[in-house]
């Protein structure tokens, strides 16, 4: 488990922190392009939902091999 901690879990943890920090900027950039706040929030929700679905599919494919 410790071998996985440094090679898998730590990089994933750092990447997720970066993505979490990027999402508010993603919404603010949509607003700066003139889109309403509702459209910006939908864009963030679609992005997050796509990541969840993609992770679920990837995990399912990895477990079947």
PDB file of N, CA and C in Angstrom:
ATOM      1  N   UNK A   1       0.826  -1.194   0.000  1.00  0.00           N
ATOM      2  CA  UNK A   1       0.000   0.000   0.000  1.00  0.00           C
ATOM      3  C   UNK A   1       0.869   1.256   0.000  1.00  0.00           C
ATOM      4  N   UNK A   2       1.990   1.226   0.699  1.00  0.00           N
ATOM      5  CA  UNK A   2       2.861   2.410   0.742  1.00  0.00           C
ATOM      6  C   UNK A   2       3.486   2.695  -0.613  1.00  0.00           C
ATOM      7  N   UNK A   3       3.794   1.646  -1.358  1.00  0.00           N
ATOM      8  CA  UNK A   3       4.369   1.855  -2.690  1.00  0.00           C
ATOM      9  C   UNK A   3       3.366   2.570  -3.586  1.00  0.00           C
ATOM     10  N   UNK A   4       2.107   2.234  -3.455  1.00  0.00           N
ATOM     11  CA  UNK A   4       1.079   2.904  -4.243  1.00  0.00           C
ATOM     12  C   UNK A   4       0.844   4.334  -3.787  1.00  0.00           C
ATOM     13  N   UNK A   5       1.054   4.594  -2.525  1.00  0.00           N
ATOM     14  CA  UNK A   5       0.785   5.928  -1.988  1.00  0.00           C
ATOM     15  C   UNK A   5       1.615   6.992  -2.697  1.00  0.00           C
ATOM     16  N   UNK A   6       2.881   6.734  -2.884  1.00  0.00           N
ATOM     17  CA  UNK A   6       3.739   7.742  -3.517  1.00  0.00           C
ATOM     18  C   UNK A   6       3.610   7.765  -5.031  1.00  0.00           C
ATOM     19  N   UNK A   7       3.384   6.617  -5.640  1.00  0.00           N
ATOM     20  CA  UNK A   7       3.375   6.589  -7.098  1.00  0.00           C
ATOM     21  C   UNK A   7       2.001   6.823  -7.714  1.00  0.00           C
ATOM     22  N   UNK A   8       0.936   6.577  -6.972  1.00  0.00           N
ATOM     23  CA  UNK A   8      -0.411   6.711  -7.540  1.00  0.00           C
ATOM     24  C   UNK A   8      -1.242   7.753  -6.796  1.00  0.00           C
ATOM     25  N   UNK A   9      -1.356   7.599  -5.504  1.00  0.00           N
ATOM     26  CA  UNK A   9      -2.282   8.435  -4.749  1.00  0.00           C
ATOM     27  C   UNK A   9      -1.821   9.879  -4.610  1.00  0.00           C
ATOM     28  N   UNK A  10      -0.542  10.109  -4.399  1.00  0.00           N
ATOM     29  CA  UNK A  10      -0.052  11.480  -4.238  1.00  0.00           C
ATOM     30  C   UNK A  10      -0.213  12.300  -5.522  1.00  0.00           C
ATOM     31  N   UNK A  11       0.192  11.799  -6.693  1.00  0.00           N
ATOM     32  CA  UNK A  11      -0.031  12.588  -7.917  1.00  0.00           C
ATOM     33  C   UNK A  11      -1.517  12.831  -8.210  1.00  0.00           C
ATOM     34  N   UNK A  12      -2.340  11.830  -7.946  1.00  0.00           N
ATOM     35  CA  UNK A  12      -3.779  11.998  -8.160  1.00  0.00           C
ATOM     36  C   UNK A  12      -4.342  13.051  -7.223  1.00  0.00           C
ATOM     37  N   UNK A  13      -3.920  13.036  -5.985  1.00  0.00           N
ATOM     38  CA  UNK A  13      -4.364  14.022  -5.000  1.00  0.00           C
ATOM     39  C   UNK A  13      -3.968  15.433  -5.432  1.00  0.00           C
ATOM     40  N   UNK A  14      -2.735  15.595  -5.876  1.00  0.00           N
ATOM     41  CA  UNK A  14      -2.275  16.916  -6.315  1.00  0.00           C
ATOM     42  C   UNK A  14      -3.004  17.382  -7.567  1.00  0.00           C
ATOM     43  N   UNK A  15      -3.277  16.470  -8.487  1.00  0.00           N
ATOM     44  CA  UNK A  15      -4.016  16.831  -9.701  1.00  0.00           C
ATOM     45  C   UNK A  15      -5.435  17.272  -9.361  1.00  0.00           C
ATOM     46  N   UNK A  16      -6.071  16.578  -8.441  1.00  0.00           N
ATOM     47  CA  UNK A  16      -7.439  16.941  -8.058  1.00  0.00           C
ATOM     48  C   UNK A  16      -7.489  18.290  -7.344  1.00  0.00           C
ATOM     49  N   UNK A  17      -6.468  18.611  -6.576  1.00  0.00           N
ATOM     50  CA  UNK A  17      -6.404  19.937  -5.956  1.00  0.00           C
ATOM     51  C   UNK A  17      -6.328  21.009  -7.053  1.00  0.00           C
ATOM     52  N   UNK A  18      -5.519  20.765  -8.058  1.00  0.00           N
ATOM     53  CA  UNK A  18      -5.394  21.717  -9.159  1.00  0.00           C
ATOM     54  C   UNK A  18      -6.683  21.880  -9.940  1.00  0.00           C
ATOM     55  N   UNK A  19      -7.377  20.785 -10.181  1.00  0.00           N
ATOM     56  CA  UNK A  19      -8.649  20.858 -10.906  1.00  0.00           C
ATOM     57  C   UNK A  19      -9.691  21.588 -10.064  1.00  0.00           C
ATOM     58  N   UNK A  20      -9.701  21.323  -8.775  1.00  0.00           N
ATOM     59  CA  UNK A  20     -10.638  22.025  -7.886  1.00  0.00           C
ATOM     60  C   UNK A  20     -10.365  23.513  -7.833  1.00  0.00           C
ATOM     61  N   UNK A  21      -9.103  23.890  -7.931  1.00  0.00           N
ATOM     62  CA  UNK A  21      -8.762  25.314  -7.950  1.00  0.00           C
ATOM     63  C   UNK A  21      -9.103  25.957  -9.284  1.00  0.00           C
ATOM     64  N   UNK A  22      -9.145  25.163 -10.351  1.00  0.00           N
ATOM     65  CA  UNK A  22      -9.422  25.686 -11.678  1.00  0.00           C
ATOM     66  C   UNK A  22     -10.918  25.921 -11.921  1.00  0.00           C
ATOM     67  N   UNK A  23     -11.773  25.144 -11.295  1.00  0.00           N
ATOM     68  CA  UNK A  23     -13.206  25.233 -11.590  1.00  0.00           C
ATOM     69  C   UNK A  23     -13.815  26.620 -11.346  1.00  0.00           C
ATOM     70  N   UNK A  24     -13.497  27.315 -10.257  1.00  0.00           N
ATOM     71  CA  UNK A  24     -14.045  28.672 -10.117  1.00  0.00           C
ATOM     72  C   UNK A  24     -13.550  29.616 -11.224  1.00  0.00           C
ATOM     73  N   UNK A  25     -12.312  29.428 -11.660  1.00  0.00           N
ATOM     74  CA  UNK A  25     -11.792  30.257 -12.756  1.00  0.00           C
ATOM     75  C   UNK A  25     -12.488  29.927 -14.066  1.00  0.00           C
ATOM     76  N   UNK A  26     -12.859  28.679 -14.239  1.00  0.00           N
ATOM     77  CA  UNK A  26     -13.612  28.265 -15.422  1.00  0.00           C
ATOM     78  C   UNK A  26     -14.958  28.985 -15.475  1.00  0.00           C
ATOM     79  N   UNK A  27     -15.638  29.046 -14.337  1.00  0.00           N
ATOM     80  CA  UNK A  27     -16.926  29.743 -14.278  1.00  0.00           C
ATOM     81  C   UNK A  27     -16.746  31.244 -14.483  1.00  0.00           C
ATOM     82  N   UNK A  28     -15.725  31.818 -13.865  1.00  0.00           N
ATOM     83  CA  UNK A  28     -15.497  33.254 -14.017  1.00  0.00           C
ATOM     84  C   UNK A  28     -15.123  33.631 -15.450  1.00  0.00           C
ATOM     85  N   UNK A  29     -14.394  32.756 -16.128  1.00  0.00           N
ATOM     86  CA  UNK A  29     -14.054  33.059 -17.522  1.00  0.00           C
ATOM     87  C   UNK A  29     -15.290  32.996 -18.408  1.00  0.00           C
ATOM     88  N   UNK A  30     -16.213  32.083 -18.124  1.00  0.00           N
ATOM     89  CA  UNK A  30     -17.460  32.042 -18.888  1.00  0.00           C
ATOM     90  C   UNK A  30     -18.264  33.321 -18.660  1.00  0.00           C
ATOM     91  N   UNK A  31     -18.283  33.805 -17.438  1.00  0.00           N
ATOM     92  CA  UNK A  31     -18.995  35.051 -17.132  1.00  0.00           C
ATOM     93  C   UNK A  31     -18.320  36.235 -17.827  1.00  0.00           C
ATOM     94  N   UNK A  32     -16.987  36.210 -17.888  1.00  0.00           N
ATOM     95  CA  UNK A  32     -16.276  37.327 -18.531  1.00  0.00           C
ATOM     96  C   UNK A  32     -16.517  37.361 -20.033  1.00  0.00           C
ATOM     97  N   UNK A  33     -16.893  36.231 -20.622  1.00  0.00           N
ATOM     98  CA  UNK A  33     -17.241  36.211 -22.045  1.00  0.00           C
ATOM     99  C   UNK A  33     -18.665  36.690 -22.287  1.00  0.00           C
ATOM    100  N   UNK A  34     -19.349  37.080 -21.217  1.00  0.00           N
ATOM    101  CA  UNK A  34     -20.690  37.639 -21.363  1.00  0.00           C
ATOM    102  C   UNK A  34     -21.816  36.650 -21.119  1.00  0.00           C
ATOM    103  N   UNK A  35     -21.492  35.444 -20.702  1.00  0.00           N
ATOM    104  CA  UNK A  35     -22.532  34.454 -20.420  1.00  0.00           C
ATOM    105  C   UNK A  35     -23.128  34.714 -19.044  1.00  0.00           C
ATOM    106  N   UNK A  36     -24.403  34.405 -18.863  1.00  0.00           N
ATOM    107  CA  UNK A  36     -24.998  34.569 -17.527  1.00  0.00           C
ATOM    108  C   UNK A  36     -24.411  33.555 -16.536  1.00  0.00           C
ATOM    109  N   UNK A  37     -24.584  33.846 -15.271  1.00  0.00           N
ATOM    110  CA  UNK A  37     -24.046  32.979 -14.224  1.00  0.00           C
ATOM    111  C   UNK A  37     -24.650  31.571 -14.295  1.00  0.00           C
ATOM    112  N   UNK A  38     -25.898  31.475 -14.727  1.00  0.00           N
ATOM    113  CA  UNK A  38     -26.524  30.153 -14.844  1.00  0.00           C
ATOM    114  C   UNK A  38     -25.801  29.293 -15.877  1.00  0.00           C
ATOM    115  N   UNK A  39     -25.415  29.878 -16.990  1.00  0.00           N
ATOM    116  CA  UNK A  39     -24.697  29.135 -18.026  1.00  0.00           C
ATOM    117  C   UNK A  39     -23.313  28.731 -17.514  1.00  0.00           C
ATOM    118  N   UNK A  40     -22.662  29.615 -16.782  1.00  0.00           N
ATOM    119  CA  UNK A  40     -21.350  29.291 -16.217  1.00  0.00           C
ATOM    120  C   UNK A  40     -21.451  28.139 -15.227  1.00  0.00           C
ATOM    121  N   UNK A  41     -22.486  28.137 -14.406  1.00  0.00           N
ATOM    122  CA  UNK A  41     -22.638  27.057 -13.432  1.00  0.00           C
ATOM    123  C   UNK A  41     -22.995  25.741 -14.122  1.00  0.00           C
ATOM    124  N   UNK A  42     -23.778  25.808 -15.188  1.00  0.00           N
ATOM    125  CA  UNK A  42     -24.096  24.596 -15.953  1.00  0.00           C
ATOM    126  C   UNK A  42     -22.834  24.045 -16.609  1.00  0.00           C
ATOM    127  N   UNK A  43     -21.979  24.918 -17.111  1.00  0.00           N
ATOM    128  CA  UNK A  43     -20.723  24.465 -17.722  1.00  0.00           C
ATOM    129  C   UNK A  43     -19.855  23.740 -16.709  1.00  0.00           C
ATOM    130  N   UNK A  44     -19.763  24.257 -15.497  1.00  0.00           N
ATOM    131  CA  UNK A  44     -18.979  23.603 -14.448  1.00  0.00           C
ATOM    132  C   UNK A  44     -19.616  22.261 -14.073  1.00  0.00           C
ATOM    133  N   UNK A  45     -20.937  22.223 -13.994  1.00  0.00           N
ATOM    134  CA  UNK A  45     -21.624  20.978 -13.648  1.00  0.00           C
ATOM    135  C   UNK A  45     -21.438  19.919 -14.727  1.00  0.00           C
ATOM    136  N   UNK A  46     -21.503  20.317 -15.989  1.00  0.00           N
ATOM    137  CA  UNK A  46     -21.310  19.372 -17.095  1.00  0.00           C
ATOM    138  C   UNK A  46     -19.879  18.848 -17.086  1.00  0.00           C
ATOM    139  N   UNK A  47     -18.930  19.726 -16.855  1.00  0.00           N
ATOM    140  CA  UNK A  47     -17.529  19.307 -16.781  1.00  0.00           C
ATOM    141  C   UNK A  47     -17.328  18.306 -15.646  1.00  0.00           C
ATOM    142  N   UNK A  48     -17.863  18.618 -14.477  1.00  0.00           N
ATOM    143  CA  UNK A  48     -17.707  17.728 -13.322  1.00  0.00           C
ATOM    144  C   UNK A  48     -18.424  16.400 -13.546  1.00  0.00           C
ATOM    145  N   UNK A  49     -19.607  16.456 -14.108  1.00  0.00           N
ATOM    146  CA  UNK A  49     -20.347  15.221 -14.406  1.00  0.00           C
ATOM    147  C   UNK A  49     -19.623  14.356 -15.424  1.00  0.00           C
ATOM    148  N   UNK A  50     -19.021  14.987 -16.405  1.00  0.00           N
ATOM    149  CA  UNK A  50     -18.246  14.238 -17.390  1.00  0.00           C
ATOM    150  C   UNK A  50     -17.046  13.561 -16.778  1.00  0.00           C
ATOM    151  N   UNK A  51     -16.409  14.217 -15.835  1.00  0.00           N
ATOM    152  CA  UNK A  51     -15.270  13.598 -15.140  1.00  0.00           C
ATOM    153  C   UNK A  51     -15.724  12.399 -14.317  1.00  0.00           C
ATOM    154  N   UNK A  52     -16.875  12.503 -13.685  1.00  0.00           N
ATOM    155  CA  UNK A  52     -17.385  11.394 -12.884  1.00  0.00           C
ATOM    156  C   UNK A  52     -17.711  10.204 -13.779  1.00  0.00           C
ATOM    157  N   UNK A  53     -18.403  10.453 -14.880  1.00  0.00           N
ATOM    158  CA  UNK A  53     -18.763   9.373 -15.800  1.00  0.00           C
ATOM    159  C   UNK A  53     -17.509   8.758 -16.411  1.00  0.00           C
ATOM    160  N   UNK A  54     -16.566   9.591 -16.807  1.00  0.00           N
ATOM    161  CA  UNK A  54     -15.328   9.081 -17.384  1.00  0.00           C
ATOM    162  C   UNK A  54     -14.524   8.260 -16.398  1.00  0.00           C
ATOM    163  N   UNK A  55     -14.487   8.688 -15.158  1.00  0.00           N
ATOM    164  CA  UNK A  55     -13.775   7.920 -14.134  1.00  0.00           C
ATOM    165  C   UNK A  55     -14.460   6.590 -13.864  1.00  0.00           C
ATOM    166  N   UNK A  56     -15.769   6.587 -13.851  1.00  0.00           N
ATOM    167  CA  UNK A  56     -16.510   5.338 -13.630  1.00  0.00           C
ATOM    168  C   UNK A  56     -16.278   4.370 -14.782  1.00  0.00           C
ATOM    169  N   UNK A  57     -16.313   4.854 -16.014  1.00  0.00           N
ATOM    170  CA  UNK A  57     -16.073   3.986 -17.157  1.00  0.00           C
ATOM    171  C   UNK A  57     -14.632   3.469 -17.168  1.00  0.00           C
ATOM    172  N   UNK A  58     -13.689   4.347 -16.876  1.00  0.00           N
ATOM    173  CA  UNK A  58     -12.296   3.927 -16.828  1.00  0.00           C
ATOM    174  C   UNK A  58     -12.038   2.896 -15.736  1.00  0.00           C
ATOM    175  N   UNK A  59     -12.625   3.087 -14.581  1.00  0.00           N
ATOM    176  CA  UNK A  59     -12.475   2.112 -13.497  1.00  0.00           C
ATOM    177  C   UNK A  59     -13.105   0.784 -13.842  1.00  0.00           C
ATOM    178  N   UNK A  60     -14.247   0.841 -14.500  1.00  0.00           N
ATOM    179  CA  UNK A  60     -14.914  -0.399 -14.919  1.00  0.00           C
ATOM    180  C   UNK A  60     -14.076  -1.147 -15.952  1.00  0.00           C
ATOM    181  N   UNK A  61     -13.527  -0.417 -16.897  1.00  0.00           N
ATOM    182  CA  UNK A  61     -12.696  -1.060 -17.906  1.00  0.00           C
ATOM    183  C   UNK A  61     -11.422  -1.626 -17.306  1.00  0.00           C
ATOM    184  N   UNK A  62     -10.826  -0.935 -16.364  1.00  0.00           N
ATOM    185  CA  UNK A  62      -9.593  -1.409 -15.738  1.00  0.00           C
ATOM    186  C   UNK A  62      -9.839  -2.651 -14.883  1.00  0.00           C
ATOM    187  N   UNK A  63     -10.987  -2.721 -14.257  1.00  0.00           N
ATOM    188  CA  UNK A  63     -11.257  -3.876 -13.390  1.00  0.00           C
ATOM    189  C   UNK A  63     -11.608  -5.120 -14.183  1.00  0.00           C
ATOM    190  N   UNK A  64     -12.023  -4.977 -15.426  1.00  0.00           N
ATOM    191  CA  UNK A  64     -12.378  -6.133 -16.249  1.00  0.00           C
ATOM    192  C   UNK A  64     -11.194  -6.715 -16.999  1.00  0.00           C
ATOM    193  N   UNK A  65     -10.062  -6.101 -16.914  1.00  0.00           N
ATOM    194  CA  UNK A  65      -8.886  -6.608 -17.660  1.00  0.00           C
ATOM    195  C   UNK A  65      -7.936  -7.314 -16.783  1.00  0.00           C
TER     196      UNK A  65
END
